[in-house]
Amino acid sequence: MMDEVWSLGYAYDRCYRSCWVGTKAEGTTIAHRNPIVSWFGEHTRITAITTATLDGWVEQMAAIGNSPATINRKLATLSKVLTEASKRPAESGLTSVPHIPRRKEYKGRIRWLTEAEEVGVVGYFAKRHKPKEYAVVRMLLDTGMRLSELWNLTHQDIDLHNGVIRIWENKADLP
């Protein structure tokens, strides 16, 4: 496609192929494509996406119940598409990226299972005679580890003598 200005669909597809295929973000960006393209239009020229149109989209996403964090993730996807297109202004027609109106995100809430919920979850695996699953659930409940942290443990991380498990990197530490 060598129009004077890329369409949103074309810009998204180019960004997808060059930035997201085979990455951890691939599935998320595929899921974000539909609401982005549905609102702005597949054939909308990317130069028509302005801060004002972004404001309208953010308001619409909030009105249909998207959380600030969800809105920001969708905006991040669109921002990446526009940024990648702006790196090729002669091809894409986009010389600058409009201001992306991020929402204020709230710090996550902390919720613990009630004793009854914990008994129910653990009992589910015990009743079904699934000792491996039972052990995993117990470990997660007793330590607060994420499943990925449990799977990434190595022999060196476990100190049975002192009753310690070391987690060297957690989700909060990642960029």
Protein backbone atom coordinates (compact mmCIF):
# COMPACT_ATOMS: atom_id res chain seq x y z
CA MET A 1 0.00 0.00 0.00
CA MET A 2 1.56 3.25 -1.07
CA ASP A 3 -1.22 5.78 -0.53
CA GLU A 4 -0.26 9.21 0.72
CA VAL A 5 -1.51 8.24 4.17
CA TRP A 6 -1.81 4.79 5.70
CA SER A 7 -5.15 3.53 6.94
CA LEU A 8 -5.45 2.49 10.57
CA GLY A 9 -5.94 -1.15 9.58
CA TYR A 10 -2.83 -1.11 7.41
CA ALA A 11 -0.76 0.67 10.10
CA TYR A 12 -1.92 -1.80 12.75
CA ASP A 13 -1.11 -4.81 10.54
CA ARG A 14 2.37 -3.47 9.73
CA CYS A 15 3.07 -2.82 13.41
CA TYR A 16 1.72 -6.23 14.34
CA ARG A 17 4.01 -8.01 11.89
CA SER A 18 7.12 -6.00 12.79
CA CYS A 19 6.67 -5.64 16.56
CA TRP A 20 4.33 -8.23 18.06
CA VAL A 21 4.42 -11.52 16.15
CA GLY A 22 5.91 -14.18 18.40
CA THR A 23 6.05 -11.98 21.51
CA LYS A 24 4.23 -12.28 24.83
CA ALA A 25 2.16 -9.24 23.79
CA GLU A 26 0.91 -10.84 20.57
CA GLY A 27 -2.38 -12.16 21.94
CA THR A 28 -3.19 -8.95 23.78
CA THR A 29 -2.57 -6.79 20.76
CA ILE A 30 -4.77 -9.03 18.64
CA ALA A 31 -7.55 -8.63 21.22
CA HIS A 32 -7.07 -4.84 21.23
CA ARG A 33 -7.33 -4.55 17.44
CA ASN A 34 -11.10 -5.05 17.28
CA PRO A 35 -12.16 -2.26 19.67
CA ILE A 36 -9.61 0.12 18.14
CA VAL A 37 -10.61 -0.56 14.55
CA SER A 38 -14.33 -0.73 15.40
CA TRP A 39 -14.27 2.77 16.89
CA PHE A 40 -11.99 4.55 14.44
CA GLY A 41 -12.67 2.49 11.31
CA GLU A 42 -10.44 0.10 9.39
CA HIS A 43 -9.94 2.54 6.51
CA THR A 44 -9.61 5.71 8.56
CA ARG A 45 -6.43 7.56 7.70
CA ILE A 46 -4.10 7.55 10.67
CA THR A 47 -3.64 11.30 10.31
CA ALA A 48 -7.34 11.66 11.22
CA ILE A 49 -6.71 10.22 14.68
CA THR A 50 -6.35 13.27 16.92
CA THR A 51 -6.30 13.93 20.63
CA ALA A 52 -9.97 14.92 20.34
CA THR A 53 -10.94 11.63 18.68
CA LEU A 54 -8.88 9.75 21.25
CA ASP A 55 -10.71 11.61 24.04
CA GLY A 56 -14.02 10.47 22.55
CA TRP A 57 -12.86 6.87 22.36
CA VAL A 58 -11.60 6.92 25.96
CA GLU A 59 -14.95 8.30 27.12
CA GLN A 60 -16.78 5.57 25.19
CA MET A 61 -14.58 2.81 26.65
CA ALA A 62 -15.20 4.14 30.16
CA ALA A 63 -18.95 4.37 29.48
CA ILE A 64 -19.12 0.69 28.51
CA GLY A 65 -17.31 -0.34 31.68
CA ASN A 66 -13.64 -0.59 30.75
CA SER A 67 -11.40 0.03 33.76
CA PRO A 68 -8.73 2.73 33.58
CA ALA A 69 -6.07 0.00 33.33
CA THR A 70 -7.87 -1.69 30.42
CA ILE A 71 -8.30 1.63 28.65
CA ASN A 72 -4.60 2.39 29.10
CA ARG A 73 -3.58 -0.99 27.68
CA LYS A 74 -5.69 -0.39 24.57
CA LEU A 75 -4.26 3.12 24.28
CA ALA A 76 -0.74 1.67 24.56
CA THR A 77 -1.46 -0.62 21.63
CA LEU A 78 -2.76 2.26 19.52
CA SER A 79 0.13 4.47 20.63
CA LYS A 80 2.62 1.84 19.44
CA VAL A 81 0.87 1.63 16.07
CA LEU A 82 0.97 5.40 15.63
CA THR A 83 4.56 5.68 16.87
CA GLU A 84 5.74 3.01 14.44
CA ALA A 85 3.91 4.75 11.58
CA SER A 86 5.42 8.12 12.54
CA LYS A 87 8.90 6.59 12.11
CA ARG A 88 8.08 6.31 8.40
CA PRO A 89 6.45 9.69 7.64
CA ALA A 90 7.25 9.56 3.92
CA GLU A 91 5.35 6.28 3.62
CA SER A 92 2.68 6.65 6.29
CA GLY A 93 1.91 10.36 6.09
CA LEU A 94 2.06 10.63 9.88
CA THR A 95 4.64 13.15 11.05
CA SER A 96 3.76 13.23 14.75
CA VAL A 97 1.75 11.21 17.24
CA PRO A 98 -1.20 12.97 18.89
CA HIS A 99 -1.30 13.28 22.67
CA ILE A 100 -2.51 9.97 24.12
CA PRO A 101 -4.88 10.72 27.07
CA ARG A 102 -3.97 8.07 29.64
CA ARG A 103 -6.32 7.37 32.53
CA LYS A 104 -5.26 7.44 36.15
CA GLU A 105 -4.92 3.87 37.32
CA TYR A 106 -5.74 2.82 40.81
CA LYS A 107 -3.39 0.69 42.80
CA GLY A 108 -4.55 -2.89 42.82
CA ARG A 109 -6.73 -4.12 45.56
CA ILE A 110 -5.59 -6.80 47.89
CA ARG A 111 -8.03 -9.57 48.55
CA TRP A 112 -7.53 -12.69 50.56
CA LEU A 113 -9.58 -15.81 50.27
CA THR A 114 -11.86 -16.41 53.19
CA GLU A 115 -11.21 -19.54 55.20
CA ALA A 116 -14.29 -21.10 53.60
CA GLU A 117 -13.03 -20.23 50.09
CA GLU A 118 -9.60 -21.65 50.83
CA VAL A 119 -11.10 -24.86 52.20
CA GLY A 120 -13.28 -25.10 49.10
CA VAL A 121 -10.39 -24.62 46.65
CA VAL A 122 -8.08 -27.06 48.42
CA GLY A 123 -10.92 -29.53 48.98
CA TYR A 124 -11.78 -29.50 45.29
CA PHE A 125 -8.41 -31.06 44.41
CA ALA A 126 -8.31 -33.32 47.47
CA LYS A 127 -11.74 -34.82 46.68
CA ARG A 128 -10.75 -35.48 43.10
CA HIS A 129 -7.57 -37.29 44.19
CA LYS A 130 -5.27 -34.89 42.37
CA PRO A 131 -2.22 -34.78 44.64
CA LYS A 132 -0.02 -32.74 42.27
CA GLU A 133 -2.65 -30.06 41.78
CA TYR A 134 -3.40 -30.09 45.51
CA ALA A 135 0.29 -29.55 46.31
CA VAL A 136 0.56 -26.66 43.83
CA VAL A 137 -2.54 -24.93 45.19
CA ARG A 138 -1.33 -25.36 48.77
CA MET A 139 2.09 -23.92 47.86
CA LEU A 140 0.52 -20.92 46.11
CA LEU A 141 -1.87 -20.26 48.97
CA ASP A 142 0.76 -20.70 51.67
CA THR A 143 3.43 -18.54 50.03
CA GLY A 144 1.54 -15.99 47.92
CA MET A 145 3.68 -16.87 44.92
CA ARG A 146 2.37 -16.51 41.42
CA LEU A 147 2.19 -19.69 39.38
CA SER A 148 4.99 -18.47 37.08
CA GLU A 149 7.20 -17.85 40.12
CA LEU A 150 6.59 -21.40 41.34
CA TRP A 151 7.37 -22.92 37.92
CA ASN A 152 10.58 -20.89 37.63
CA LEU A 153 12.04 -22.08 40.94
CA THR A 154 15.33 -23.93 40.75
CA HIS A 155 16.99 -26.23 43.24
CA GLN A 156 19.22 -23.34 44.37
CA ASP A 157 16.14 -21.24 45.23
CA ILE A 158 14.90 -23.72 47.83
CA ASP A 159 16.64 -23.83 51.22
CA LEU A 160 14.97 -26.66 53.15
CA HIS A 161 17.41 -26.30 56.06
CA ASN A 162 16.24 -22.74 56.81
CA GLY A 163 12.72 -23.17 55.42
CA VAL A 164 13.24 -20.45 52.79
CA ILE A 165 12.28 -20.10 49.14
CA ARG A 166 13.96 -17.29 47.21
CA ILE A 167 12.18 -15.54 44.35
CA TRP A 168 14.75 -13.47 42.51
CA GLU A 169 12.52 -11.59 40.14
CA ASN A 170 8.83 -10.97 40.40
CA LYS A 171 6.22 -9.33 38.19
CA ALA A 172 6.53 -5.99 39.98
CA ASP A 173 10.25 -5.85 39.11
CA LEU A 174 9.77 -6.31 35.40
CA PRO A 175 9.78 -3.31 33.05
